[in-house]
């Protein structure tokens, strides 16, 4: 059994949750999302983030807007929709229940 593969699968399973949680605090463009995840030690590459953002936008959990950048091309800023906030609340509940269950099992 490859522990790195299991660890990667565990991280993948929470990426959408983390993206929605970040955007629930404030709108952000992708490199800001990546930076926040890096600070939290949840390393994600652009090739993983962009498809997730697109999928979340396509199911109307996120919106985006373009803004001119003084130091390069325009930036796409993402924000969470009302549907996204409702979805995030359900994920918060699920995370709380899972965390509690895992703590009971592993202690």
PDB file of N, CA and C in Angstrom:
ATOM      1  N   UNK A   1       0.852  -1.191   0.000  1.00  0.00           N
ATOM      2  CA  UNK A   1       0.000   0.000   0.000  1.00  0.00           C
ATOM      3  C   UNK A   1       0.888   1.242   0.000  1.00  0.00           C
ATOM      4  N   UNK A   2       0.557   2.186  -0.842  1.00  0.00           N
ATOM      5  CA  UNK A   2       1.339   3.404  -0.995  1.00  0.00           C
ATOM      6  C   UNK A   2       0.705   4.525  -0.165  1.00  0.00           C
ATOM      7  N   UNK A   3       1.377   4.935   0.913  1.00  0.00           N
ATOM      8  CA  UNK A   3       0.824   5.950   1.804  1.00  0.00           C
ATOM      9  C   UNK A   3       0.680   7.308   1.099  1.00  0.00           C
ATOM     10  N   UNK A   4       1.583   7.632   0.196  1.00  0.00           N
ATOM     11  CA  UNK A   4       1.486   8.910  -0.514  1.00  0.00           C
ATOM     12  C   UNK A   4       0.210   8.991  -1.349  1.00  0.00           C
ATOM     13  N   UNK A   5      -0.178   7.882  -1.966  1.00  0.00           N
ATOM     14  CA  UNK A   5      -1.402   7.856  -2.760  1.00  0.00           C
ATOM     15  C   UNK A   5      -2.625   8.088  -1.862  1.00  0.00           C
ATOM     16  N   UNK A   6      -2.652   7.447  -0.723  1.00  0.00           N
ATOM     17  CA  UNK A   6      -3.763   7.624   0.209  1.00  0.00           C
ATOM     18  C   UNK A   6      -3.815   9.061   0.712  1.00  0.00           C
ATOM     19  N   UNK A   7      -2.660   9.629   1.029  1.00  0.00           N
ATOM     20  CA  UNK A   7      -2.614  11.016   1.488  1.00  0.00           C
ATOM     21  C   UNK A   7      -3.124  11.964   0.397  1.00  0.00           C
ATOM     22  N   UNK A   8      -2.722  11.732  -0.844  1.00  0.00           N
ATOM     23  CA  UNK A   8      -3.179  12.573  -1.953  1.00  0.00           C
ATOM     24  C   UNK A   8      -4.687  12.481  -2.121  1.00  0.00           C
ATOM     25  N   UNK A   9      -5.248  11.286  -1.994  1.00  0.00           N
ATOM     26  CA  UNK A   9      -6.694  11.118  -2.126  1.00  0.00           C
ATOM     27  C   UNK A   9      -7.436  11.831  -1.001  1.00  0.00           C
ATOM     28  N   UNK A  10      -6.881  11.800   0.198  1.00  0.00           N
ATOM     29  CA  UNK A  10      -7.499  12.503   1.320  1.00  0.00           C
ATOM     30  C   UNK A  10      -7.523  14.009   1.059  1.00  0.00           C
ATOM     31  N   UNK A  11      -6.414  14.544   0.551  1.00  0.00           N
ATOM     32  CA  UNK A  11      -6.343  15.975   0.259  1.00  0.00           C
ATOM     33  C   UNK A  11      -7.318  16.363  -0.855  1.00  0.00           C
ATOM     34  N   UNK A  12      -7.372  15.550  -1.914  1.00  0.00           N
ATOM     35  CA  UNK A  12      -8.283  15.846  -3.026  1.00  0.00           C
ATOM     36  C   UNK A  12      -9.722  15.935  -2.555  1.00  0.00           C
ATOM     37  N   UNK A  13     -10.070  15.099  -1.601  1.00  0.00           N
ATOM     38  CA  UNK A  13     -11.442  15.046  -1.125  1.00  0.00           C
ATOM     39  C   UNK A  13     -11.899  16.307  -0.422  1.00  0.00           C
ATOM     40  N   UNK A  14     -10.965  17.140   0.035  1.00  0.00           N
ATOM     41  CA  UNK A  14     -11.372  18.346   0.764  1.00  0.00           C
ATOM     42  C   UNK A  14     -11.082  19.646   0.016  1.00  0.00           C
ATOM     43  N   UNK A  15     -10.555  19.552  -1.190  1.00  0.00           N
ATOM     44  CA  UNK A  15     -10.194  20.775  -1.921  1.00  0.00           C
ATOM     45  C   UNK A  15     -11.390  21.677  -2.212  1.00  0.00           C
ATOM     46  N   UNK A  16     -12.489  21.123  -2.691  1.00  0.00           N
ATOM     47  CA  UNK A  16     -13.662  21.947  -2.995  1.00  0.00           C
ATOM     48  C   UNK A  16     -14.159  22.635  -1.729  1.00  0.00           C
ATOM     49  N   UNK A  17     -14.165  21.908  -0.641  1.00  0.00           N
ATOM     50  CA  UNK A  17     -14.585  22.462   0.652  1.00  0.00           C
ATOM     51  C   UNK A  17     -13.684  23.639   1.031  1.00  0.00           C
ATOM     52  N   UNK A  18     -12.383  23.473   0.899  1.00  0.00           N
ATOM     53  CA  UNK A  18     -11.447  24.532   1.249  1.00  0.00           C
ATOM     54  C   UNK A  18     -11.586  25.751   0.335  1.00  0.00           C
ATOM     55  N   UNK A  19     -11.781  25.534  -0.944  1.00  0.00           N
ATOM     56  CA  UNK A  19     -11.967  26.642  -1.888  1.00  0.00           C
ATOM     57  C   UNK A  19     -13.208  27.449  -1.508  1.00  0.00           C
ATOM     58  N   UNK A  20     -14.299  26.760  -1.250  1.00  0.00           N
ATOM     59  CA  UNK A  20     -15.531  27.463  -0.862  1.00  0.00           C
ATOM     60  C   UNK A  20     -15.339  28.214   0.457  1.00  0.00           C
ATOM     61  N   UNK A  21     -14.624  27.620   1.401  1.00  0.00           N
ATOM     62  CA  UNK A  21     -14.386  28.275   2.688  1.00  0.00           C
ATOM     63  C   UNK A  21     -13.540  29.534   2.521  1.00  0.00           C
ATOM     64  N   UNK A  22     -12.519  29.470   1.677  1.00  0.00           N
ATOM     65  CA  UNK A  22     -11.693  30.653   1.420  1.00  0.00           C
ATOM     66  C   UNK A  22     -12.538  31.758   0.790  1.00  0.00           C
ATOM     67  N   UNK A  23     -13.327  31.406  -0.197  1.00  0.00           N
ATOM     68  CA  UNK A  23     -14.123  32.409  -0.903  1.00  0.00           C
ATOM     69  C   UNK A  23     -15.321  32.885  -0.090  1.00  0.00           C
ATOM     70  N   UNK A  24     -15.662  32.176   0.952  1.00  0.00           N
ATOM     71  CA  UNK A  24     -16.720  32.644   1.848  1.00  0.00           C
ATOM     72  C   UNK A  24     -16.221  33.822   2.694  1.00  0.00           C
ATOM     73  N   UNK A  25     -14.907  33.895   2.892  1.00  0.00           N
ATOM     74  CA  UNK A  25     -14.316  35.001   3.655  1.00  0.00           C
ATOM     75  C   UNK A  25     -14.188  36.259   2.807  1.00  0.00           C
ATOM     76  N   UNK A  26     -13.826  36.071   1.523  1.00  0.00           N
ATOM     77  CA  UNK A  26     -13.615  37.207   0.625  1.00  0.00           C
ATOM     78  C   UNK A  26     -13.443  36.699  -0.794  1.00  0.00           C
ATOM     79  N   UNK A  27     -13.680  37.572  -1.772  1.00  0.00           N
ATOM     80  CA  UNK A  27     -13.409  37.172  -3.148  1.00  0.00           C
ATOM     81  C   UNK A  27     -11.898  37.108  -3.336  1.00  0.00           C
ATOM     82  N   UNK A  28     -11.467  36.301  -4.307  1.00  0.00           N
ATOM     83  CA  UNK A  28     -10.034  36.132  -4.518  1.00  0.00           C
ATOM     84  C   UNK A  28      -9.771  35.669  -5.937  1.00  0.00           C
ATOM     85  N   UNK A  29      -8.573  35.925  -6.408  1.00  0.00           N
ATOM     86  CA  UNK A  29      -8.181  35.366  -7.696  1.00  0.00           C
ATOM     87  C   UNK A  29      -7.346  34.120  -7.426  1.00  0.00           C
ATOM     88  N   UNK A  30      -7.184  33.264  -8.406  1.00  0.00           N
ATOM     89  CA  UNK A  30      -6.601  31.942  -8.163  1.00  0.00           C
ATOM     90  C   UNK A  30      -5.269  31.932  -7.424  1.00  0.00           C
ATOM     91  N   UNK A  31      -4.364  32.852  -7.728  1.00  0.00           N
ATOM     92  CA  UNK A  31      -3.078  32.797  -7.021  1.00  0.00           C
ATOM     93  C   UNK A  31      -3.241  33.120  -5.543  1.00  0.00           C
ATOM     94  N   UNK A  32      -4.233  33.935  -5.172  1.00  0.00           N
ATOM     95  CA  UNK A  32      -4.502  34.192  -3.752  1.00  0.00           C
ATOM     96  C   UNK A  32      -5.037  32.934  -3.068  1.00  0.00           C
ATOM     97  N   UNK A  33      -5.871  32.188  -3.773  1.00  0.00           N
ATOM     98  CA  UNK A  33      -6.392  30.932  -3.234  1.00  0.00           C
ATOM     99  C   UNK A  33      -5.241  29.955  -3.018  1.00  0.00           C
ATOM    100  N   UNK A  34      -4.361  29.844  -4.010  1.00  0.00           N
ATOM    101  CA  UNK A  34      -3.203  28.959  -3.886  1.00  0.00           C
ATOM    102  C   UNK A  34      -2.306  29.382  -2.726  1.00  0.00           C
ATOM    103  N   UNK A  35      -2.095  30.690  -2.560  1.00  0.00           N
ATOM    104  CA  UNK A  35      -1.265  31.182  -1.462  1.00  0.00           C
ATOM    105  C   UNK A  35      -1.863  30.822  -0.103  1.00  0.00           C
ATOM    106  N   UNK A  36      -3.166  30.996   0.030  1.00  0.00           N
ATOM    107  CA  UNK A  36      -3.813  30.679   1.315  1.00  0.00           C
ATOM    108  C   UNK A  36      -3.711  29.184   1.613  1.00  0.00           C
ATOM    109  N   UNK A  37      -3.870  28.364   0.593  1.00  0.00           N
ATOM    110  CA  UNK A  37      -3.741  26.926   0.790  1.00  0.00           C
ATOM    111  C   UNK A  37      -2.303  26.553   1.147  1.00  0.00           C
ATOM    112  N   UNK A  38      -1.340  27.229   0.526  1.00  0.00           N
ATOM    113  CA  UNK A  38       0.067  26.958   0.827  1.00  0.00           C
ATOM    114  C   UNK A  38       0.384  27.300   2.279  1.00  0.00           C
ATOM    115  N   UNK A  39      -0.122  28.430   2.760  1.00  0.00           N
ATOM    116  CA  UNK A  39       0.084  28.829   4.158  1.00  0.00           C
ATOM    117  C   UNK A  39      -0.482  27.768   5.097  1.00  0.00           C
ATOM    118  N   UNK A  40      -1.596  27.159   4.702  1.00  0.00           N
ATOM    119  CA  UNK A  40      -2.226  26.111   5.515  1.00  0.00           C
ATOM    120  C   UNK A  40      -1.562  24.748   5.314  1.00  0.00           C
ATOM    121  N   UNK A  41      -0.502  24.708   4.501  1.00  0.00           N
ATOM    122  CA  UNK A  41       0.230  23.459   4.205  1.00  0.00           C
ATOM    123  C   UNK A  41      -0.601  22.476   3.386  1.00  0.00           C
ATOM    124  N   UNK A  42      -1.526  23.010   2.593  1.00  0.00           N
ATOM    125  CA  UNK A  42      -2.314  22.214   1.674  1.00  0.00           C
ATOM    126  C   UNK A  42      -1.887  22.636   0.273  1.00  0.00           C
ATOM    127  N   UNK A  43      -0.825  22.012  -0.213  1.00  0.00           N
ATOM    128  CA  UNK A  43      -0.215  22.413  -1.471  1.00  0.00           C
ATOM    129  C   UNK A  43      -1.073  21.932  -2.640  1.00  0.00           C
ATOM    130  N   UNK A  44      -1.444  22.884  -3.489  1.00  0.00           N
ATOM    131  CA  UNK A  44      -2.264  22.615  -4.667  1.00  0.00           C
ATOM    132  C   UNK A  44      -1.600  23.330  -5.838  1.00  0.00           C
ATOM    133  N   UNK A  45      -1.601  22.710  -6.991  1.00  0.00           N
ATOM    134  CA  UNK A  45      -1.025  23.333  -8.180  1.00  0.00           C
ATOM    135  C   UNK A  45      -2.138  23.929  -9.035  1.00  0.00           C
ATOM    136  N   UNK A  46      -1.747  24.868  -9.892  1.00  0.00           N
ATOM    137  CA  UNK A  46      -2.730  25.531 -10.762  1.00  0.00           C
ATOM    138  C   UNK A  46      -3.518  24.532 -11.600  1.00  0.00           C
ATOM    139  N   UNK A  47      -2.852  23.489 -12.067  1.00  0.00           N
ATOM    140  CA  UNK A  47      -3.507  22.489 -12.905  1.00  0.00           C
ATOM    141  C   UNK A  47      -4.610  21.734 -12.191  1.00  0.00           C
ATOM    142  N   UNK A  48      -4.596  21.766 -10.875  1.00  0.00           N
ATOM    143  CA  UNK A  48      -5.661  21.165 -10.078  1.00  0.00           C
ATOM    144  C   UNK A  48      -6.725  22.204  -9.743  1.00  0.00           C
ATOM    145  N   UNK A  49      -6.292  23.413  -9.423  1.00  0.00           N
ATOM    146  CA  UNK A  49      -7.215  24.453  -8.980  1.00  0.00           C
ATOM    147  C   UNK A  49      -8.172  24.917 -10.078  1.00  0.00           C
ATOM    148  N   UNK A  50      -7.650  25.215 -11.260  1.00  0.00           N
ATOM    149  CA  UNK A  50      -8.493  25.787 -12.312  1.00  0.00           C
ATOM    150  C   UNK A  50      -9.675  24.895 -12.712  1.00  0.00           C
ATOM    151  N   UNK A  51      -9.480  23.594 -12.889  1.00  0.00           N
ATOM    152  CA  UNK A  51     -10.648  22.756 -13.196  1.00  0.00           C
ATOM    153  C   UNK A  51     -11.684  22.743 -12.068  1.00  0.00           C
ATOM    154  N   UNK A  52     -11.213  22.789 -10.819  1.00  0.00           N
ATOM    155  CA  UNK A  52     -12.152  22.829  -9.691  1.00  0.00           C
ATOM    156  C   UNK A  52     -12.949  24.133  -9.696  1.00  0.00           C
ATOM    157  N   UNK A  53     -12.271  25.251  -9.936  1.00  0.00           N
ATOM    158  CA  UNK A  53     -12.972  26.532  -9.997  1.00  0.00           C
ATOM    159  C   UNK A  53     -14.007  26.533 -11.120  1.00  0.00           C
ATOM    160  N   UNK A  54     -13.631  25.997 -12.264  1.00  0.00           N
ATOM    161  CA  UNK A  54     -14.563  25.927 -13.397  1.00  0.00           C
ATOM    162  C   UNK A  54     -15.770  25.064 -13.063  1.00  0.00           C
ATOM    163  N   UNK A  55     -15.523  23.905 -12.444  1.00  0.00           N
ATOM    164  CA  UNK A  55     -16.636  23.016 -12.088  1.00  0.00           C
ATOM    165  C   UNK A  55     -17.562  23.678 -11.069  1.00  0.00           C
ATOM    166  N   UNK A  56     -16.989  24.333 -10.059  1.00  0.00           N
ATOM    167  CA  UNK A  56     -17.810  25.008  -9.047  1.00  0.00           C
ATOM    168  C   UNK A  56     -18.603  26.166  -9.654  1.00  0.00           C
ATOM    169  N   UNK A  57     -18.020  26.846 -10.634  1.00  0.00           N
ATOM    170  CA  UNK A  57     -18.736  27.921 -11.324  1.00  0.00           C
ATOM    171  C   UNK A  57     -19.860  27.351 -12.182  1.00  0.00           C
ATOM    172  N   UNK A  58     -19.582  26.247 -12.871  1.00  0.00           N
ATOM    173  CA  UNK A  58     -20.588  25.639 -13.752  1.00  0.00           C
ATOM    174  C   UNK A  58     -21.809  25.129 -12.992  1.00  0.00           C
ATOM    175  N   UNK A  59     -21.631  24.736 -11.738  1.00  0.00           N
ATOM    176  CA  UNK A  59     -22.781  24.291 -10.936  1.00  0.00           C
ATOM    177  C   UNK A  59     -23.318  25.434 -10.065  1.00  0.00           C
ATOM    178  N   UNK A  60     -22.874  26.657 -10.389  1.00  0.00           N
ATOM    179  CA  UNK A  60     -23.386  27.897  -9.800  1.00  0.00           C
ATOM    180  C   UNK A  60     -23.125  28.040  -8.309  1.00  0.00           C
ATOM    181  N   UNK A  61     -22.007  27.472  -7.846  1.00  0.00           N
ATOM    182  CA  UNK A  61     -21.585  27.688  -6.465  1.00  0.00           C
ATOM    183  C   UNK A  61     -20.635  28.878  -6.377  1.00  0.00           C
ATOM    184  N   UNK A  62     -20.048  29.257  -7.523  1.00  0.00           N
ATOM    185  CA  UNK A  62     -19.148  30.407  -7.613  1.00  0.00           C
ATOM    186  C   UNK A  62     -19.555  31.304  -8.778  1.00  0.00           C
ATOM    187  N   UNK A  63     -19.183  32.568  -8.653  1.00  0.00           N
ATOM    188  CA  UNK A  63     -19.238  33.542  -9.739  1.00  0.00           C
ATOM    189  C   UNK A  63     -17.833  34.078  -9.928  1.00  0.00           C
ATOM    190  N   UNK A  64     -17.620  34.786 -11.026  1.00  0.00           N
ATOM    191  CA  UNK A  64     -16.358  35.495 -11.172  1.00  0.00           C
ATOM    192  C   UNK A  64     -16.586  36.805 -11.890  1.00  0.00           C
ATOM    193  N   UNK A  65     -15.615  37.678 -11.744  1.00  0.00           N
ATOM    194  CA  UNK A  65     -15.617  38.960 -12.457  1.00  0.00           C
ATOM    195  C   UNK A  65     -14.183  39.252 -12.866  1.00  0.00           C
ATOM    196  N   UNK A  66     -14.043  39.975 -13.957  1.00  0.00           N
ATOM    197  CA  UNK A  66     -12.725  40.370 -14.438  1.00  0.00           C
ATOM    198  C   UNK A  66     -12.374  41.739 -13.871  1.00  0.00           C
ATOM    199  N   UNK A  67     -11.092  41.901 -13.508  1.00  0.00           N
ATOM    200  CA  UNK A  67     -10.613  43.201 -13.054  1.00  0.00           C
ATOM    201  C   UNK A  67      -9.253  43.464 -13.685  1.00  0.00           C
ATOM    202  N   UNK A  68      -9.083  44.670 -14.188  1.00  0.00           N
ATOM    203  CA  UNK A  68      -7.788  45.053 -14.768  1.00  0.00           C
ATOM    204  C   UNK A  68      -6.721  45.022 -13.679  1.00  0.00           C
ATOM    205  N   UNK A  69      -5.541  44.578 -14.055  1.00  0.00           N
ATOM    206  CA  UNK A  69      -4.417  44.515 -13.137  1.00  0.00           C
ATOM    207  C   UNK A  69      -3.384  45.554 -13.537  1.00  0.00           C
ATOM    208  N   UNK A  70      -2.840  46.301 -12.576  1.00  0.00           N
ATOM    209  CA  UNK A  70      -1.821  47.296 -12.919  1.00  0.00           C
ATOM    210  C   UNK A  70      -0.494  46.651 -13.342  1.00  0.00           C
ATOM    211  N   UNK A  71      -0.331  45.375 -13.058  1.00  0.00           N
ATOM    212  CA  UNK A  71       0.960  44.733 -13.338  1.00  0.00           C
ATOM    213  C   UNK A  71       0.823  43.496 -14.221  1.00  0.00           C
ATOM    214  N   UNK A  72      -0.057  43.535 -15.191  1.00  0.00           N
ATOM    215  CA  UNK A  72      -0.184  42.382 -16.072  1.00  0.00           C
ATOM    216  C   UNK A  72      -1.575  42.270 -16.661  1.00  0.00           C
ATOM    217  N   UNK A  73      -1.920  41.064 -17.084  1.00  0.00           N
ATOM    218  CA  UNK A  73      -3.239  40.864 -17.702  1.00  0.00           C
ATOM    219  C   UNK A  73      -4.362  40.990 -16.675  1.00  0.00           C
ATOM    220  N   UNK A  74      -5.594  41.144 -17.149  1.00  0.00           N
ATOM    221  CA  UNK A  74      -6.736  41.212 -16.223  1.00  0.00           C
ATOM    222  C   UNK A  74      -6.810  39.962 -15.354  1.00  0.00           C
ATOM    223  N   UNK A  75      -7.348  40.132 -14.166  1.00  0.00           N
ATOM    224  CA  UNK A  75      -7.478  39.021 -13.219  1.00  0.00           C
ATOM    225  C   UNK A  75      -8.940  38.621 -13.082  1.00  0.00           C
ATOM    226  N   UNK A  76      -9.131  37.325 -12.924  1.00  0.00           N
ATOM    227  CA  UNK A  76     -10.473  36.785 -12.716  1.00  0.00           C
ATOM    228  C   UNK A  76     -10.646  36.578 -11.213  1.00  0.00           C
ATOM    229  N   UNK A  77     -11.522  37.362 -10.602  1.00  0.00           N
ATOM    230  CA  UNK A  77     -11.804  37.249  -9.170  1.00  0.00           C
ATOM    231  C   UNK A  77     -13.037  36.380  -8.966  1.00  0.00           C
ATOM    232  N   UNK A  78     -12.904  35.389  -8.108  1.00  0.00           N
ATOM    233  CA  UNK A  78     -14.002  34.471  -7.810  1.00  0.00           C
ATOM    234  C   UNK A  78     -14.672  34.862  -6.502  1.00  0.00           C
ATOM    235  N   UNK A  79     -15.978  34.629  -6.432  1.00  0.00           N
ATOM    236  CA  UNK A  79     -16.747  34.841  -5.205  1.00  0.00           C
ATOM    237  C   UNK A  79     -17.768  33.715  -5.081  1.00  0.00           C
ATOM    238  N   UNK A  80     -18.197  33.507  -3.871  1.00  0.00           N
ATOM    239  CA  UNK A  80     -19.161  32.437  -3.600  1.00  0.00           C
ATOM    240  C   UNK A  80     -20.582  32.977  -3.809  1.00  0.00           C
ATOM    241  N   UNK A  81     -21.452  32.157  -4.351  1.00  0.00           N
ATOM    242  CA  UNK A  81     -22.853  32.536  -4.559  1.00  0.00           C
ATOM    243  C   UNK A  81     -23.670  32.162  -3.322  1.00  0.00           C
ATOM    244  N   UNK A  82     -24.917  32.563  -3.306  1.00  0.00           N
ATOM    245  CA  UNK A  82     -25.811  32.157  -2.203  1.00  0.00           C
ATOM    246  C   UNK A  82     -25.941  30.631  -2.177  1.00  0.00           C
ATOM    247  N   UNK A  83     -26.068  30.014  -3.351  1.00  0.00           N
ATOM    248  CA  UNK A  83     -26.115  28.544  -3.409  1.00  0.00           C
ATOM    249  C   UNK A  83     -24.827  27.945  -2.872  1.00  0.00           C
ATOM    250  N   UNK A  84     -23.708  28.599  -3.168  1.00  0.00           N
ATOM    251  CA  UNK A  84     -22.425  28.142  -2.665  1.00  0.00           C
ATOM    252  C   UNK A  84     -22.349  28.228  -1.153  1.00  0.00           C
ATOM    253  N   UNK A  85     -22.916  29.282  -0.579  1.00  0.00           N
ATOM    254  CA  UNK A  85     -22.932  29.432   0.884  1.00  0.00           C
ATOM    255  C   UNK A  85     -23.782  28.348   1.533  1.00  0.00           C
ATOM    256  N   UNK A  86     -24.910  28.047   0.923  1.00  0.00           N
ATOM    257  CA  UNK A  86     -25.763  26.974   1.451  1.00  0.00           C
ATOM    258  C   UNK A  86     -25.046  25.624   1.357  1.00  0.00           C
ATOM    259  N   UNK A  87     -24.381  25.391   0.242  1.00  0.00           N
ATOM    260  CA  UNK A  87     -23.629  24.155   0.047  1.00  0.00           C
ATOM    261  C   UNK A  87     -22.496  24.066   1.060  1.00  0.00           C
ATOM    262  N   UNK A  88     -21.796  25.189   1.275  1.00  0.00           N
ATOM    263  CA  UNK A  88     -20.703  25.226   2.248  1.00  0.00           C
ATOM    264  C   UNK A  88     -21.214  24.917   3.646  1.00  0.00           C
ATOM    265  N   UNK A  89     -22.372  25.421   3.995  1.00  0.00           N
ATOM    266  CA  UNK A  89     -22.928  25.140   5.326  1.00  0.00           C
ATOM    267  C   UNK A  89     -23.166  23.639   5.502  1.00  0.00           C
ATOM    268  N   UNK A  90     -23.648  22.982   4.472  1.00  0.00           N
ATOM    269  CA  UNK A  90     -23.831  21.524   4.537  1.00  0.00           C
ATOM    270  C   UNK A  90     -22.491  20.817   4.662  1.00  0.00           C
ATOM    271  N   UNK A  91     -21.478  21.315   3.942  1.00  0.00           N
ATOM    272  CA  UNK A  91     -20.143  20.719   4.058  1.00  0.00           C
ATOM    273  C   UNK A  91     -19.558  20.954   5.447  1.00  0.00           C
ATOM    274  N   UNK A  92     -19.813  22.117   6.038  1.00  0.00           N
ATOM    275  CA  UNK A  92     -19.355  22.380   7.409  1.00  0.00           C
ATOM    276  C   UNK A  92     -19.942  21.358   8.372  1.00  0.00           C
ATOM    277  N   UNK A  93     -21.216  21.079   8.211  1.00  0.00           N
ATOM    278  CA  UNK A  93     -21.896  20.092   9.061  1.00  0.00           C
ATOM    279  C   UNK A  93     -21.268  18.711   8.865  1.00  0.00           C
ATOM    280  N   UNK A  94     -21.062  18.333   7.611  1.00  0.00           N
ATOM    281  CA  UNK A  94     -20.467  17.031   7.306  1.00  0.00           C
ATOM    282  C   UNK A  94     -19.056  16.943   7.873  1.00  0.00           C
ATOM    283  N   UNK A  95     -18.266  18.002   7.714  1.00  0.00           N
ATOM    284  CA  UNK A  95     -16.901  18.005   8.227  1.00  0.00           C
ATOM    285  C   UNK A  95     -16.907  17.838   9.748  1.00  0.00           C
ATOM    286  N   UNK A  96     -17.783  18.536  10.416  1.00  0.00           N
ATOM    287  CA  UNK A  96     -17.880  18.441  11.864  1.00  0.00           C
ATOM    288  C   UNK A  96     -18.205  17.014  12.302  1.00  0.00           C
ATOM    289  N   UNK A  97     -19.161  16.398  11.616  1.00  0.00           N
ATOM    290  CA  UNK A  97     -19.541  15.024  11.946  1.00  0.00           C
ATOM    291  C   UNK A  97     -18.404  14.039  11.665  1.00  0.00           C
ATOM    292  N   UNK A  98     -17.740  14.191  10.522  1.00  0.00           N
ATOM    293  CA  UNK A  98     -16.623  13.308  10.180  1.00  0.00           C
ATOM    294  C   UNK A  98     -15.465  13.479  11.151  1.00  0.00           C
ATOM    295  N   UNK A  99     -15.138  14.720  11.454  1.00  0.00           N
ATOM    296  CA  UNK A  99     -14.041  15.004  12.377  1.00  0.00           C
ATOM    297  C   UNK A  99     -14.309  14.379  13.737  1.00  0.00           C
ATOM    298  N   UNK A 100     -15.524  14.527  14.220  1.00  0.00           N
ATOM    299  CA  UNK A 100     -15.899  13.942  15.511  1.00  0.00           C
ATOM    300  C   UNK A 100     -15.802  12.429  15.478  1.00  0.00           C
ATOM    301  N   UNK A 101     -16.294  11.819  14.409  1.00  0.00           N
ATOM    302  CA  UNK A 101     -16.250  10.356  14.288  1.00  0.00           C
ATOM    303  C   UNK A 101     -14.808   9.847  14.231  1.00  0.00           C
ATOM    304  N   UNK A 102     -13.971  10.515  13.452  1.00  0.00           N
ATOM    305  CA  UNK A 102     -12.584  10.070  13.318  1.00  0.00           C
ATOM    306  C   UNK A 102     -11.842  10.246  14.648  1.00  0.00           C
ATOM    307  N   UNK A 103     -12.100  11.333  15.350  1.00  0.00           N
ATOM    308  CA  UNK A 103     -11.465  11.522  16.648  1.00  0.00           C
ATOM    309  C   UNK A 103     -11.864  10.431  17.635  1.00  0.00           C
ATOM    310  N   UNK A 104     -13.128  10.031  17.632  1.00  0.00           N
ATOM    311  CA  UNK A 104     -13.575   8.970  18.519  1.00  0.00           C
ATOM    312  C   UNK A 104     -12.897   7.646  18.188  1.00  0.00           C
ATOM    313  N   UNK A 105     -12.717   7.390  16.920  1.00  0.00           N
ATOM    314  CA  UNK A 105     -12.112   6.127  16.487  1.00  0.00           C
ATOM    315  C   UNK A 105     -10.606   6.108  16.762  1.00  0.00           C
ATOM    316  N   UNK A 106      -9.951   7.221  16.545  1.00  0.00           N
ATOM    317  CA  UNK A 106      -8.481   7.228  16.624  1.00  0.00           C
ATOM    318  C   UNK A 106      -7.929   7.545  18.010  1.00  0.00           C
ATOM    319  N   UNK A 107      -8.763   7.861  18.961  1.00  0.00           N
ATOM    320  CA  UNK A 107      -8.263   8.183  20.331  1.00  0.00           C
ATOM    321  C   UNK A 107      -8.509   7.054  21.282  1.00  0.00           C
TER     322      UNK A 107
END
